[in-house]
Amino acid sequence: MYKIFIKRIIDILISIVGVIILSPIFLIVTVLLFFANNGKPFFTQNRPGKKGKIFKIIKFKTMNDSLDDKGNLLLDEERLTKIGAFIRKTSLDEIPQLLNVLIGDMSLIGPRPLLPEYLLTYSEEQKRRHNVRPGITGLAQVKGRNQMKFSERLLNDIYYVDNISLALDIKIILLTFKSILFKSSSIVNGQTVDEVDDIGLSRNLSSNHFKQKKDEY
């Protein structure tokens, strides 16, 4: 009952309340990033959702699109603006995803949505992470995402899929707030090429490909 019906109702109610309460912050951040990123306060990117259906995830854009002399994007640290660094550090860049939750693409809690390219790498067991809606936060994120191998993160995703409950969701929410408030390194955006190789991603997807895709993981 919770997994099929109640969880979705909670997602909608909390997202509506969150959008209302956070609307002043949403507006301020949008204006600041509009000027910092040359009129581009938002970042959208294709991600696979429930059953692998592709949707566009919405985030605040924390890096600008500055190019080098050859027309290539500069390194992340060179494109990360001061306001962008603050927004990312405080996880404010995730706020727009409440809109993804409202329209049904995401849940508040679930496996984090990765890039579509990862779909080619999953085993049949790992594919089960897409049996539920992806989340803004999830079990792998609060259990030390940047300290685990990528395959271990996927195991946490599968565990969540198999054990969804109100108690587990509450625990993840509390640990998420703890990570943000105490500046824990548990919640991190992005994956490196080495982490991708841990689940056997074809090396045909080059390092440059992921550097370009990495922009706003």
C-alpha atoms as a PDB file:
ATOM      1  CA  MET A   1       0.000   0.000   0.000  1.00  0.00           C
ATOM      2  CA  TYR A   2       2.762   2.464   0.948  1.00  0.00           C
ATOM      3  CA  LYS A   3       4.940   1.731  -2.090  1.00  0.00           C
ATOM      4  CA  ILE A   4       2.081   1.860  -4.602  1.00  0.00           C
ATOM      5  CA  PHE A   5      -0.179   4.595  -3.256  1.00  0.00           C
ATOM      6  CA  ILE A   6       0.824   6.406  -0.055  1.00  0.00           C
ATOM      7  CA  LYS A   7       4.403   7.213  -1.103  1.00  0.00           C
ATOM      8  CA  ARG A   8       3.187   9.110  -4.172  1.00  0.00           C
ATOM      9  CA  ILE A   9       0.680  11.116  -2.138  1.00  0.00           C
ATOM     10  CA  ILE A  10       3.406  12.062   0.342  1.00  0.00           C
ATOM     11  CA  ASP A  11       5.672  13.087  -2.551  1.00  0.00           C
ATOM     12  CA  ILE A  12       3.016  15.407  -3.951  1.00  0.00           C
ATOM     13  CA  LEU A  13       2.072  16.985  -0.625  1.00  0.00           C
ATOM     14  CA  ILE A  14       5.642  17.580   0.541  1.00  0.00           C
ATOM     15  CA  SER A  15       6.669  18.920  -2.875  1.00  0.00           C
ATOM     16  CA  ILE A  16       3.795  21.412  -2.920  1.00  0.00           C
ATOM     17  CA  VAL A  17       4.648  22.597   0.585  1.00  0.00           C
ATOM     18  CA  GLY A  18       8.333  22.689  -0.301  1.00  0.00           C
ATOM     19  CA  VAL A  19       7.771  24.771  -3.438  1.00  0.00           C
ATOM     20  CA  ILE A  20       5.638  27.255  -1.465  1.00  0.00           C
ATOM     21  CA  ILE A  21       8.059  27.562   1.468  1.00  0.00           C
ATOM     22  CA  LEU A  22      11.167  27.672  -0.701  1.00  0.00           C
ATOM     23  CA  SER A  23       9.730  29.994  -3.348  1.00  0.00           C
ATOM     24  CA  PRO A  24      11.586  33.092  -2.022  1.00  0.00           C
ATOM     25  CA  ILE A  25      14.895  31.176  -2.119  1.00  0.00           C
ATOM     26  CA  PHE A  26      13.975  29.772  -5.534  1.00  0.00           C
ATOM     27  CA  LEU A  27      13.396  33.270  -6.881  1.00  0.00           C
ATOM     28  CA  ILE A  28      16.563  34.752  -5.375  1.00  0.00           C
ATOM     29  CA  VAL A  29      18.764  31.912  -6.624  1.00  0.00           C
ATOM     30  CA  THR A  30      17.183  32.096 -10.085  1.00  0.00           C
ATOM     31  CA  VAL A  31      17.952  35.818 -10.357  1.00  0.00           C
ATOM     32  CA  LEU A  32      21.534  35.414  -9.088  1.00  0.00           C
ATOM     33  CA  LEU A  33      22.262  32.570 -11.495  1.00  0.00           C
ATOM     34  CA  PHE A  34      20.611  34.431 -14.364  1.00  0.00           C
ATOM     35  CA  PHE A  35      23.317  37.060 -14.104  1.00  0.00           C
ATOM     36  CA  ALA A  36      26.146  34.664 -13.164  1.00  0.00           C
ATOM     37  CA  ASN A  37      25.451  32.306 -16.080  1.00  0.00           C
ATOM     38  CA  ASN A  38      24.594  34.767 -18.834  1.00  0.00           C
ATOM     39  CA  GLY A  39      20.844  34.284 -18.647  1.00  0.00           C
ATOM     40  CA  LYS A  40      20.876  30.533 -17.939  1.00  0.00           C
ATOM     41  CA  PRO A  41      19.817  29.860 -14.332  1.00  0.00           C
ATOM     42  CA  PHE A  42      18.639  26.290 -14.975  1.00  0.00           C
ATOM     43  CA  PHE A  43      20.241  23.113 -16.205  1.00  0.00           C
ATOM     44  CA  THR A  44      18.260  20.256 -17.753  1.00  0.00           C
ATOM     45  CA  GLN A  45      19.532  16.869 -18.793  1.00  0.00           C
ATOM     46  CA  ASN A  46      18.051  13.583 -19.972  1.00  0.00           C
ATOM     47  CA  ARG A  47      17.894  10.899 -17.303  1.00  0.00           C
ATOM     48  CA  PRO A  48      16.197   7.482 -17.177  1.00  0.00           C
ATOM     49  CA  GLY A  49      13.292   7.277 -14.756  1.00  0.00           C
ATOM     50  CA  LYS A  50      10.903   4.513 -13.763  1.00  0.00           C
ATOM     51  CA  LYS A  51      11.018   1.604 -16.237  1.00  0.00           C
ATOM     52  CA  GLY A  52      13.888   3.414 -17.969  1.00  0.00           C
ATOM     53  CA  LYS A  53      11.631   6.117 -19.408  1.00  0.00           C
ATOM     54  CA  ILE A  54      13.707   9.182 -20.275  1.00  0.00           C
ATOM     55  CA  PHE A  55      12.805  12.503 -18.653  1.00  0.00           C
ATOM     56  CA  LYS A  56      14.524  15.859 -18.230  1.00  0.00           C
ATOM     57  CA  ILE A  57      15.896  16.474 -14.770  1.00  0.00           C
ATOM     58  CA  ILE A  58      15.866  20.119 -13.637  1.00  0.00           C
ATOM     59  CA  LYS A  59      18.594  21.667 -11.506  1.00  0.00           C
ATOM     60  CA  PHE A  60      20.039  25.078 -10.847  1.00  0.00           C
ATOM     61  CA  LYS A  61      23.022  25.645 -13.136  1.00  0.00           C
ATOM     62  CA  THR A  62      26.132  26.028 -10.995  1.00  0.00           C
ATOM     63  CA  MET A  63      28.661  26.257 -13.838  1.00  0.00           C
ATOM     64  CA  ASN A  64      28.782  28.648 -16.760  1.00  0.00           C
ATOM     65  CA  ASP A  65      29.493  27.645 -20.372  1.00  0.00           C
ATOM     66  CA  SER A  66      32.890  29.323 -20.789  1.00  0.00           C
ATOM     67  CA  LEU A  67      35.010  27.920 -23.627  1.00  0.00           C
ATOM     68  CA  ASP A  68      38.741  27.825 -24.313  1.00  0.00           C
ATOM     69  CA  ASP A  69      40.405  29.127 -27.494  1.00  0.00           C
ATOM     70  CA  LYS A  70      39.555  25.885 -29.317  1.00  0.00           C
ATOM     71  CA  GLY A  71      35.870  26.073 -28.460  1.00  0.00           C
ATOM     72  CA  ASN A  72      35.977  23.372 -25.780  1.00  0.00           C
ATOM     73  CA  LEU A  73      34.409  23.738 -22.349  1.00  0.00           C
ATOM     74  CA  LEU A  74      36.862  24.853 -19.690  1.00  0.00           C
ATOM     75  CA  LEU A  75      37.573  22.600 -16.715  1.00  0.00           C
ATOM     76  CA  ASP A  76      34.830  22.301 -14.102  1.00  0.00           C
ATOM     77  CA  GLU A  77      36.716  24.333 -11.505  1.00  0.00           C
ATOM     78  CA  GLU A  78      37.168  27.153 -14.025  1.00  0.00           C
ATOM     79  CA  ARG A  79      33.465  27.241 -14.902  1.00  0.00           C
ATOM     80  CA  LEU A  80      32.152  26.901 -11.369  1.00  0.00           C
ATOM     81  CA  THR A  81      30.991  30.360 -10.298  1.00  0.00           C
ATOM     82  CA  LYS A  82      31.248  31.620  -6.716  1.00  0.00           C
ATOM     83  CA  ILE A  83      27.484  31.647  -6.305  1.00  0.00           C
ATOM     84  CA  GLY A  84      27.371  28.254  -8.005  1.00  0.00           C
ATOM     85  CA  ALA A  85      29.881  26.809  -5.538  1.00  0.00           C
ATOM     86  CA  PHE A  86      27.793  28.045  -2.613  1.00  0.00           C
ATOM     87  CA  ILE A  87      24.574  26.692  -4.112  1.00  0.00           C
ATOM     88  CA  ARG A  88      26.147  23.300  -4.753  1.00  0.00           C
ATOM     89  CA  LYS A  89      27.733  23.148  -1.285  1.00  0.00           C
ATOM     90  CA  THR A  90      24.367  23.808   0.364  1.00  0.00           C
ATOM     91  CA  SER A  91      22.521  21.454  -2.033  1.00  0.00           C
ATOM     92  CA  LEU A  92      20.262  24.308  -3.136  1.00  0.00           C
ATOM     93  CA  ASP A  93      20.865  23.204  -6.733  1.00  0.00           C
ATOM     94  CA  GLU A  94      18.521  20.272  -6.066  1.00  0.00           C
ATOM     95  CA  ILE A  95      15.469  22.469  -5.284  1.00  0.00           C
ATOM     96  CA  PRO A  96      14.086  22.571  -8.874  1.00  0.00           C
ATOM     97  CA  GLN A  97      13.767  18.785  -8.771  1.00  0.00           C
ATOM     98  CA  LEU A  98      10.681  19.306  -6.622  1.00  0.00           C
ATOM     99  CA  LEU A  99       9.037  20.150  -9.945  1.00  0.00           C
ATOM    100  CA  ASN A 100      10.163  16.765 -11.303  1.00  0.00           C
ATOM    101  CA  VAL A 101       8.527  15.157  -8.268  1.00  0.00           C
ATOM    102  CA  LEU A 102       5.282  17.057  -8.770  1.00  0.00           C
ATOM    103  CA  ILE A 103       4.882  15.983 -12.385  1.00  0.00           C
ATOM    104  CA  GLY A 104       5.665  12.376 -11.517  1.00  0.00           C
ATOM    105  CA  ASP A 105       9.129  11.926 -13.036  1.00  0.00           C
ATOM    106  CA  MET A 106      10.802  11.553  -9.643  1.00  0.00           C
ATOM    107  CA  SER A 107      10.176  10.782  -6.003  1.00  0.00           C
ATOM    108  CA  LEU A 108      11.616  12.562  -2.994  1.00  0.00           C
ATOM    109  CA  ILE A 109      13.476   9.353  -2.131  1.00  0.00           C
ATOM    110  CA  GLY A 110      14.780   6.700  -4.484  1.00  0.00           C
ATOM    111  CA  PRO A 111      17.834   5.691  -6.514  1.00  0.00           C
ATOM    112  CA  ARG A 112      19.520   8.758  -7.983  1.00  0.00           C
ATOM    113  CA  PRO A 113      18.888   9.043 -11.745  1.00  0.00           C
ATOM    114  CA  LEU A 114      22.093   8.547 -13.729  1.00  0.00           C
ATOM    115  CA  LEU A 115      22.850   9.274 -17.377  1.00  0.00           C
ATOM    116  CA  PRO A 116      21.140   7.215 -20.100  1.00  0.00           C
ATOM    117  CA  GLU A 117      24.543   5.794 -21.110  1.00  0.00           C
ATOM    118  CA  TYR A 118      24.606   3.801 -17.879  1.00  0.00           C
ATOM    119  CA  LEU A 119      21.622   1.765 -19.063  1.00  0.00           C
ATOM    120  CA  LEU A 120      23.995  -0.146 -21.342  1.00  0.00           C
ATOM    121  CA  THR A 121      26.130  -1.290 -18.409  1.00  0.00           C
ATOM    122  CA  TYR A 122      23.647  -2.724 -15.934  1.00  0.00           C
ATOM    123  CA  SER A 123      23.235  -6.405 -15.172  1.00  0.00           C
ATOM    124  CA  GLU A 124      19.667  -7.699 -15.004  1.00  0.00           C
ATOM    125  CA  GLU A 125      19.808  -7.310 -11.228  1.00  0.00           C
ATOM    126  CA  GLN A 126      21.089  -3.744 -11.415  1.00  0.00           C
ATOM    127  CA  LYS A 127      18.348  -2.809 -13.872  1.00  0.00           C
ATOM    128  CA  ARG A 128      15.844  -3.290 -11.054  1.00  0.00           C
ATOM    129  CA  ARG A 129      16.862   0.126  -9.699  1.00  0.00           C
ATOM    130  CA  HIS A 130      14.485   1.434 -12.368  1.00  0.00           C
ATOM    131  CA  ASN A 131      11.494  -0.438 -10.946  1.00  0.00           C
ATOM    132  CA  VAL A 132      10.726   2.678  -8.896  1.00  0.00           C
ATOM    133  CA  ARG A 133      10.873   6.419  -9.505  1.00  0.00           C
ATOM    134  CA  PRO A 134      14.356   7.912  -9.056  1.00  0.00           C
ATOM    135  CA  GLY A 135      14.790  10.189  -6.064  1.00  0.00           C
ATOM    136  CA  ILE A 136      16.240  13.552  -5.114  1.00  0.00           C
ATOM    137  CA  THR A 137      18.063  11.678  -2.370  1.00  0.00           C
ATOM    138  CA  GLY A 138      18.482   8.004  -1.690  1.00  0.00           C
ATOM    139  CA  LEU A 139      20.007   5.270   0.428  1.00  0.00           C
ATOM    140  CA  ALA A 140      23.320   5.246  -1.455  1.00  0.00           C
ATOM    141  CA  GLN A 141      23.664   9.010  -0.974  1.00  0.00           C
ATOM    142  CA  VAL A 142      23.336   8.903   2.821  1.00  0.00           C
ATOM    143  CA  LYS A 143      25.576   5.862   3.243  1.00  0.00           C
ATOM    144  CA  GLY A 144      28.711   7.544   1.966  1.00  0.00           C
ATOM    145  CA  ARG A 145      28.276   7.684  -1.783  1.00  0.00           C
ATOM    146  CA  ASN A 146      31.735   9.078  -2.492  1.00  0.00           C
ATOM    147  CA  GLN A 147      33.385   6.418  -0.335  1.00  0.00           C
ATOM    148  CA  MET A 148      31.792   3.381  -2.014  1.00  0.00           C
ATOM    149  CA  LYS A 149      32.500   1.659  -5.282  1.00  0.00           C
ATOM    150  CA  PHE A 150      29.888   2.320  -7.920  1.00  0.00           C
ATOM    151  CA  SER A 151      28.708  -1.288  -7.789  1.00  0.00           C
ATOM    152  CA  GLU A 152      28.151  -0.945  -4.035  1.00  0.00           C
ATOM    153  CA  ARG A 153      25.990   2.101  -4.617  1.00  0.00           C
ATOM    154  CA  LEU A 154      23.885   0.091  -7.037  1.00  0.00           C
ATOM    155  CA  LEU A 155      23.530  -2.646  -4.411  1.00  0.00           C
ATOM    156  CA  ASN A 156      22.130  -0.014  -2.040  1.00  0.00           C
ATOM    157  CA  ASP A 157      19.702   1.069  -4.746  1.00  0.00           C
ATOM    158  CA  ILE A 158      18.472  -2.515  -5.159  1.00  0.00           C
ATOM    159  CA  TYR A 159      18.168  -2.918  -1.395  1.00  0.00           C
ATOM    160  CA  TYR A 160      15.980   0.182  -1.318  1.00  0.00           C
ATOM    161  CA  VAL A 161      13.772  -1.114  -4.134  1.00  0.00           C
ATOM    162  CA  ASP A 162      13.248  -4.366  -2.245  1.00  0.00           C
ATOM    163  CA  ASN A 163      12.667  -2.751   1.157  1.00  0.00           C
ATOM    164  CA  ILE A 164      10.696   0.454   0.519  1.00  0.00           C
ATOM    165  CA  SER A 165       8.823   1.516   3.639  1.00  0.00           C
ATOM    166  CA  LEU A 166       7.761   4.674   5.440  1.00  0.00           C
ATOM    167  CA  ALA A 167      10.296   3.984   8.201  1.00  0.00           C
ATOM    168  CA  LEU A 168      13.171   3.654   5.711  1.00  0.00           C
ATOM    169  CA  ASP A 169      12.139   6.816   3.861  1.00  0.00           C
ATOM    170  CA  ILE A 170      12.002   8.793   7.107  1.00  0.00           C
ATOM    171  CA  LYS A 171      15.448   7.510   8.055  1.00  0.00           C
ATOM    172  CA  ILE A 172      16.888   8.561   4.682  1.00  0.00           C
ATOM    173  CA  ILE A 173      15.311  12.024   4.933  1.00  0.00           C
ATOM    174  CA  LEU A 174      16.759  12.560   8.425  1.00  0.00           C
ATOM    175  CA  LEU A 175      20.210  11.381   7.327  1.00  0.00           C
ATOM    176  CA  THR A 176      20.014  13.664   4.282  1.00  0.00           C
ATOM    177  CA  PHE A 177      19.334  16.715   6.453  1.00  0.00           C
ATOM    178  CA  LYS A 178      22.128  15.646   8.802  1.00  0.00           C
ATOM    179  CA  SER A 179      24.545  15.396   5.864  1.00  0.00           C
ATOM    180  CA  ILE A 180      23.606  18.877   4.642  1.00  0.00           C
ATOM    181  CA  LEU A 181      23.629  20.563   8.046  1.00  0.00           C
ATOM    182  CA  PHE A 182      26.928  19.076   9.126  1.00  0.00           C
ATOM    183  CA  LYS A 183      28.502  19.385   5.677  1.00  0.00           C
ATOM    184  CA  SER A 184      29.035  15.653   5.406  1.00  0.00           C
ATOM    185  CA  SER A 185      30.778  14.416   2.272  1.00  0.00           C
ATOM    186  CA  SER A 186      28.209  11.646   1.898  1.00  0.00           C
ATOM    187  CA  ILE A 187      26.139  13.434  -0.709  1.00  0.00           C
ATOM    188  CA  VAL A 188      28.143  14.178  -3.805  1.00  0.00           C
ATOM    189  CA  ASN A 189      27.174  14.978  -7.374  1.00  0.00           C
ATOM    190  CA  GLY A 190      28.964  13.210 -10.180  1.00  0.00           C
ATOM    191  CA  GLN A 191      30.862  10.073 -11.021  1.00  0.00           C
ATOM    192  CA  THR A 192      34.399   9.686 -12.287  1.00  0.00           C
ATOM    193  CA  VAL A 193      35.439   7.497 -15.176  1.00  0.00           C
ATOM    194  CA  ASP A 194      37.110   5.071 -12.748  1.00  0.00           C
ATOM    195  CA  GLU A 195      33.819   4.681 -10.876  1.00  0.00           C
ATOM    196  CA  VAL A 196      32.030   4.051 -14.138  1.00  0.00           C
ATOM    197  CA  ASP A 197      34.558   1.372 -15.106  1.00  0.00           C
ATOM    198  CA  ASP A 198      33.727  -0.399 -11.834  1.00  0.00           C
ATOM    199  CA  ILE A 199      30.427  -1.510 -13.368  1.00  0.00           C
ATOM    200  CA  GLY A 200      31.978  -2.371 -16.696  1.00  0.00           C
ATOM    201  CA  LEU A 201      31.036   0.643 -18.804  1.00  0.00           C
ATOM    202  CA  SER A 202      32.401   0.301 -22.318  1.00  0.00           C
ATOM    203  CA  ARG A 203      35.594   2.232 -22.795  1.00  0.00           C
ATOM    204  CA  ASN A 204      34.134   3.431 -26.075  1.00  0.00           C
ATOM    205  CA  LEU A 205      32.603   6.126 -23.854  1.00  0.00           C
ATOM    206  CA  SER A 206      35.763   8.143 -23.545  1.00  0.00           C
ATOM    207  CA  SER A 207      37.012  10.284 -20.691  1.00  0.00           C
ATOM    208  CA  ASN A 208      36.282  13.403 -22.751  1.00  0.00           C
ATOM    209  CA  HIS A 209      32.696  12.235 -23.179  1.00  0.00           C
ATOM    210  CA  PHE A 210      32.230  12.061 -19.440  1.00  0.00           C
ATOM    211  CA  LYS A 211      34.042  15.318 -18.778  1.00  0.00           C
ATOM    212  CA  GLN A 212      31.525  16.997 -21.057  1.00  0.00           C
ATOM    213  CA  LYS A 213      28.578  15.136 -19.552  1.00  0.00           C
ATOM    214  CA  LYS A 214      29.786  15.769 -16.014  1.00  0.00           C
ATOM    215  CA  ASP A 215      28.730  19.418 -16.039  1.00  0.00           C
ATOM    216  CA  GLU A 216      25.856  19.170 -13.579  1.00  0.00           C
ATOM    217  CA  TYR A 217      25.528  15.523 -12.531  1.00  0.00           C
END
